[in-house]
N, C-alpha and C. Protein backbone atom coordinates (compact mmCIF):
# COMPACT_ATOMS: atom_id res chain seq x y z
N MET A 1 -20.13 -19.47 -6.69
CA MET A 1 -18.75 -19.58 -6.26
C MET A 1 -17.84 -19.69 -7.50
N TYR A 2 -16.71 -19.00 -7.43
CA TYR A 2 -15.74 -18.99 -8.51
C TYR A 2 -14.65 -20.04 -8.24
N ASN A 3 -14.03 -20.51 -9.30
CA ASN A 3 -12.86 -21.39 -9.19
C ASN A 3 -11.60 -20.56 -9.32
N LEU A 4 -10.55 -20.99 -8.64
CA LEU A 4 -9.27 -20.28 -8.70
C LEU A 4 -8.33 -21.00 -9.66
N GLU A 5 -7.64 -20.22 -10.46
CA GLU A 5 -6.55 -20.71 -11.29
C GLU A 5 -5.34 -19.83 -10.99
N PHE A 6 -4.16 -20.41 -11.04
CA PHE A 6 -2.94 -19.69 -10.68
C PHE A 6 -1.98 -19.63 -11.85
N SER A 7 -1.34 -18.47 -12.01
CA SER A 7 -0.23 -18.40 -12.95
C SER A 7 0.89 -19.24 -12.35
N THR A 8 1.82 -19.65 -13.17
CA THR A 8 2.95 -20.45 -12.68
C THR A 8 3.72 -19.70 -11.61
N LYS A 9 3.93 -18.42 -11.83
CA LYS A 9 4.69 -17.59 -10.89
C LYS A 9 3.96 -17.47 -9.55
N ALA A 10 2.66 -17.22 -9.58
CA ALA A 10 1.89 -17.08 -8.34
C ALA A 10 1.86 -18.40 -7.57
N PHE A 11 1.69 -19.51 -8.28
CA PHE A 11 1.64 -20.81 -7.62
C PHE A 11 2.98 -21.14 -6.96
N SER A 12 4.06 -20.88 -7.66
CA SER A 12 5.40 -21.15 -7.12
C SER A 12 5.66 -20.30 -5.88
N TYR A 13 5.26 -19.02 -5.94
CA TYR A 13 5.49 -18.14 -4.81
C TYR A 13 4.68 -18.60 -3.60
N LEU A 14 3.44 -18.96 -3.82
CA LEU A 14 2.59 -19.42 -2.73
C LEU A 14 3.14 -20.70 -2.10
N LYS A 15 3.62 -21.59 -2.94
CA LYS A 15 4.20 -22.85 -2.47
C LYS A 15 5.45 -22.59 -1.62
N SER A 16 6.30 -21.68 -2.05
CA SER A 16 7.52 -21.37 -1.29
C SER A 16 7.18 -20.64 0.00
N LEU A 17 6.13 -19.82 -0.03
CA LEU A 17 5.71 -19.09 1.15
C LEU A 17 5.21 -20.04 2.24
N LYS A 18 4.59 -21.12 1.83
CA LYS A 18 4.09 -22.10 2.80
C LYS A 18 5.24 -22.66 3.63
N ARG A 19 6.39 -22.86 3.00
CA ARG A 19 7.57 -23.39 3.71
C ARG A 19 8.26 -22.30 4.54
N LYS A 20 8.26 -21.07 4.04
CA LYS A 20 9.03 -19.99 4.67
C LYS A 20 8.29 -19.25 5.78
N ASN A 21 6.99 -19.00 5.58
CA ASN A 21 6.25 -18.18 6.53
C ASN A 21 4.80 -18.65 6.61
N GLU A 22 4.54 -19.57 7.50
CA GLU A 22 3.22 -20.19 7.63
C GLU A 22 2.13 -19.15 7.96
N LYS A 23 2.47 -18.15 8.76
CA LYS A 23 1.49 -17.14 9.15
C LYS A 23 1.00 -16.35 7.94
N ILE A 24 1.91 -15.90 7.10
CA ILE A 24 1.53 -15.15 5.88
C ILE A 24 0.80 -16.08 4.92
N TYR A 25 1.28 -17.31 4.80
CA TYR A 25 0.62 -18.28 3.92
C TYR A 25 -0.86 -18.44 4.31
N ARG A 26 -1.12 -18.60 5.60
CA ARG A 26 -2.50 -18.77 6.07
C ARG A 26 -3.34 -17.52 5.79
N ALA A 27 -2.75 -16.34 5.97
CA ALA A 27 -3.48 -15.09 5.69
C ALA A 27 -3.87 -15.02 4.22
N ILE A 28 -2.95 -15.39 3.34
CA ILE A 28 -3.24 -15.37 1.91
C ILE A 28 -4.26 -16.44 1.55
N ALA A 29 -4.16 -17.62 2.15
CA ALA A 29 -5.12 -18.69 1.90
C ALA A 29 -6.53 -18.25 2.30
N PHE A 30 -6.63 -17.52 3.40
CA PHE A 30 -7.91 -16.99 3.86
C PHE A 30 -8.48 -16.01 2.83
N VAL A 31 -7.64 -15.14 2.31
CA VAL A 31 -8.05 -14.17 1.28
C VAL A 31 -8.54 -14.91 0.04
N LEU A 32 -7.80 -15.91 -0.38
CA LEU A 32 -8.18 -16.66 -1.58
C LEU A 32 -9.55 -17.31 -1.40
N GLU A 33 -9.80 -17.83 -0.22
CA GLU A 33 -11.10 -18.45 0.05
C GLU A 33 -12.21 -17.40 -0.01
N ASP A 34 -11.98 -16.22 0.54
CA ASP A 34 -12.96 -15.13 0.48
C ASP A 34 -13.24 -14.70 -0.96
N LEU A 35 -12.19 -14.63 -1.76
CA LEU A 35 -12.35 -14.19 -3.15
C LEU A 35 -13.23 -15.15 -3.95
N LYS A 36 -13.19 -16.42 -3.64
CA LYS A 36 -14.01 -17.40 -4.34
C LYS A 36 -15.50 -17.07 -4.23
N TYR A 37 -15.89 -16.47 -3.12
CA TYR A 37 -17.29 -16.14 -2.90
C TYR A 37 -17.63 -14.69 -3.26
N ASP A 38 -16.63 -13.82 -3.22
CA ASP A 38 -16.87 -12.41 -3.55
C ASP A 38 -15.64 -11.83 -4.24
N PRO A 39 -15.51 -12.06 -5.54
CA PRO A 39 -14.31 -11.62 -6.26
C PRO A 39 -14.16 -10.11 -6.39
N GLY A 40 -15.18 -9.36 -6.05
CA GLY A 40 -15.11 -7.90 -6.15
C GLY A 40 -14.52 -7.24 -4.91
N LEU A 41 -13.97 -8.01 -3.99
CA LEU A 41 -13.42 -7.45 -2.75
C LEU A 41 -12.19 -6.57 -2.97
N GLY A 42 -11.43 -6.84 -3.98
CA GLY A 42 -10.19 -6.11 -4.21
C GLY A 42 -10.38 -4.74 -4.82
N GLU A 43 -9.29 -4.00 -4.86
CA GLU A 43 -9.28 -2.67 -5.48
C GLU A 43 -8.89 -2.81 -6.95
N ARG A 44 -9.57 -2.06 -7.79
CA ARG A 44 -9.26 -2.08 -9.23
C ARG A 44 -7.92 -1.39 -9.47
N LEU A 45 -7.12 -2.01 -10.31
CA LEU A 45 -5.80 -1.46 -10.62
C LEU A 45 -5.88 -0.62 -11.89
N LYS A 46 -4.87 0.21 -12.08
CA LYS A 46 -4.84 1.14 -13.22
C LYS A 46 -3.58 0.94 -14.05
N ARG A 47 -3.47 1.74 -15.06
CA ARG A 47 -2.33 1.77 -15.98
C ARG A 47 -2.05 0.41 -16.59
N ASP A 48 -0.86 -0.13 -16.40
CA ASP A 48 -0.47 -1.39 -17.03
C ASP A 48 -1.30 -2.58 -16.55
N LEU A 49 -1.92 -2.45 -15.39
CA LEU A 49 -2.68 -3.56 -14.82
C LEU A 49 -4.19 -3.32 -14.86
N THR A 50 -4.64 -2.50 -15.78
CA THR A 50 -6.07 -2.27 -15.96
C THR A 50 -6.74 -3.62 -16.23
N GLY A 51 -7.85 -3.84 -15.56
CA GLY A 51 -8.57 -5.12 -15.70
C GLY A 51 -8.26 -6.09 -14.58
N TYR A 52 -7.24 -5.77 -13.79
CA TYR A 52 -6.87 -6.61 -12.65
C TYR A 52 -7.32 -5.94 -11.36
N LEU A 53 -7.43 -6.75 -10.32
CA LEU A 53 -7.74 -6.25 -8.99
C LEU A 53 -6.63 -6.68 -8.05
N SER A 54 -6.55 -6.02 -6.91
CA SER A 54 -5.54 -6.33 -5.92
C SER A 54 -6.18 -6.37 -4.54
N TYR A 55 -5.88 -7.41 -3.79
CA TYR A 55 -6.37 -7.54 -2.42
C TYR A 55 -5.17 -7.58 -1.50
N SER A 56 -5.24 -6.83 -0.41
CA SER A 56 -4.12 -6.67 0.49
C SER A 56 -4.34 -7.42 1.79
N THR A 57 -3.28 -8.09 2.28
CA THR A 57 -3.31 -8.71 3.59
C THR A 57 -1.89 -8.84 4.13
N SER A 58 -1.68 -8.42 5.34
CA SER A 58 -0.39 -8.58 6.05
C SER A 58 0.80 -8.06 5.26
N GLY A 59 0.63 -6.97 4.53
CA GLY A 59 1.72 -6.39 3.76
C GLY A 59 1.97 -7.07 2.42
N TYR A 60 1.14 -8.04 2.07
CA TYR A 60 1.25 -8.77 0.81
C TYR A 60 0.06 -8.42 -0.07
N ARG A 61 0.23 -8.62 -1.37
CA ARG A 61 -0.85 -8.35 -2.32
C ARG A 61 -1.12 -9.62 -3.14
N VAL A 62 -2.40 -9.80 -3.41
CA VAL A 62 -2.84 -10.83 -4.35
C VAL A 62 -3.41 -10.08 -5.54
N VAL A 63 -2.78 -10.22 -6.70
CA VAL A 63 -3.22 -9.55 -7.92
C VAL A 63 -3.95 -10.59 -8.76
N TYR A 64 -5.17 -10.26 -9.17
CA TYR A 64 -5.99 -11.26 -9.86
C TYR A 64 -6.91 -10.63 -10.90
N LYS A 65 -7.43 -11.49 -11.76
CA LYS A 65 -8.37 -11.06 -12.80
C LYS A 65 -9.59 -11.98 -12.74
N VAL A 66 -10.77 -11.38 -12.87
CA VAL A 66 -12.01 -12.13 -12.77
C VAL A 66 -12.59 -12.35 -14.17
N TYR A 67 -12.94 -13.60 -14.45
CA TYR A 67 -13.63 -13.96 -15.69
C TYR A 67 -15.04 -14.39 -15.30
N LYS A 68 -15.98 -13.45 -15.34
CA LYS A 68 -17.33 -13.68 -14.82
C LYS A 68 -18.08 -14.77 -15.56
N GLN A 69 -18.01 -14.77 -16.88
CA GLN A 69 -18.77 -15.75 -17.66
C GLN A 69 -18.32 -17.18 -17.37
N ARG A 70 -17.02 -17.36 -17.15
CA ARG A 70 -16.48 -18.69 -16.89
C ARG A 70 -16.40 -19.00 -15.40
N LYS A 71 -16.72 -18.01 -14.54
CA LYS A 71 -16.67 -18.17 -13.08
C LYS A 71 -15.27 -18.59 -12.62
N ILE A 72 -14.26 -17.88 -13.17
CA ILE A 72 -12.87 -18.18 -12.84
C ILE A 72 -12.18 -16.91 -12.35
N ILE A 73 -11.33 -17.09 -11.35
CA ILE A 73 -10.44 -16.02 -10.89
C ILE A 73 -9.02 -16.48 -11.18
N LEU A 74 -8.32 -15.71 -12.00
CA LEU A 74 -6.92 -16.01 -12.30
C LEU A 74 -6.05 -15.24 -11.32
N ILE A 75 -5.33 -15.96 -10.48
CA ILE A 75 -4.39 -15.35 -9.54
C ILE A 75 -3.10 -15.14 -10.33
N ALA A 76 -2.81 -13.89 -10.66
CA ALA A 76 -1.68 -13.57 -11.53
C ALA A 76 -0.37 -13.43 -10.75
N LYS A 77 -0.43 -12.75 -9.60
CA LYS A 77 0.78 -12.50 -8.81
C LYS A 77 0.44 -12.50 -7.33
N ILE A 78 1.39 -12.93 -6.54
CA ILE A 78 1.31 -12.84 -5.09
C ILE A 78 2.68 -12.37 -4.61
N GLY A 79 2.71 -11.40 -3.71
CA GLY A 79 4.00 -10.96 -3.21
C GLY A 79 3.88 -9.75 -2.30
N PRO A 80 5.01 -9.35 -1.72
CA PRO A 80 5.01 -8.16 -0.87
C PRO A 80 4.72 -6.91 -1.70
N ARG A 81 4.09 -5.95 -1.11
CA ARG A 81 3.67 -4.76 -1.82
C ARG A 81 4.76 -4.07 -2.62
N PRO A 82 5.97 -3.88 -2.06
CA PRO A 82 6.98 -3.14 -2.82
C PRO A 82 7.39 -3.80 -4.15
N THR A 83 7.22 -5.11 -4.26
CA THR A 83 7.73 -5.79 -5.46
C THR A 83 6.65 -6.43 -6.34
N VAL A 84 5.46 -6.60 -5.86
CA VAL A 84 4.45 -7.35 -6.60
C VAL A 84 4.04 -6.69 -7.90
N TYR A 85 4.09 -5.38 -7.97
CA TYR A 85 3.64 -4.69 -9.18
C TYR A 85 4.73 -4.52 -10.24
N ASN A 86 5.92 -4.99 -9.98
CA ASN A 86 7.03 -4.90 -10.95
C ASN A 86 6.89 -5.94 -12.04
């Protein structure tokens, strides 16, 4: 099992989402729990985000990077698809 670490931006967004939209928050929390056991579930990203993966749920994306040797998943960004990659 991997441990999750969050960028400041991802953590703040997730925290605000919990207050604004509980349904989306729960969907993302479910994804995060799944990633802890199988970090390869996401799609590999290209270009500027090479080395990162993205997992989609309910129109939102979780962008993350896996550090296999340290058993850590860095959650870099969380957000709606149209804006998360900016």
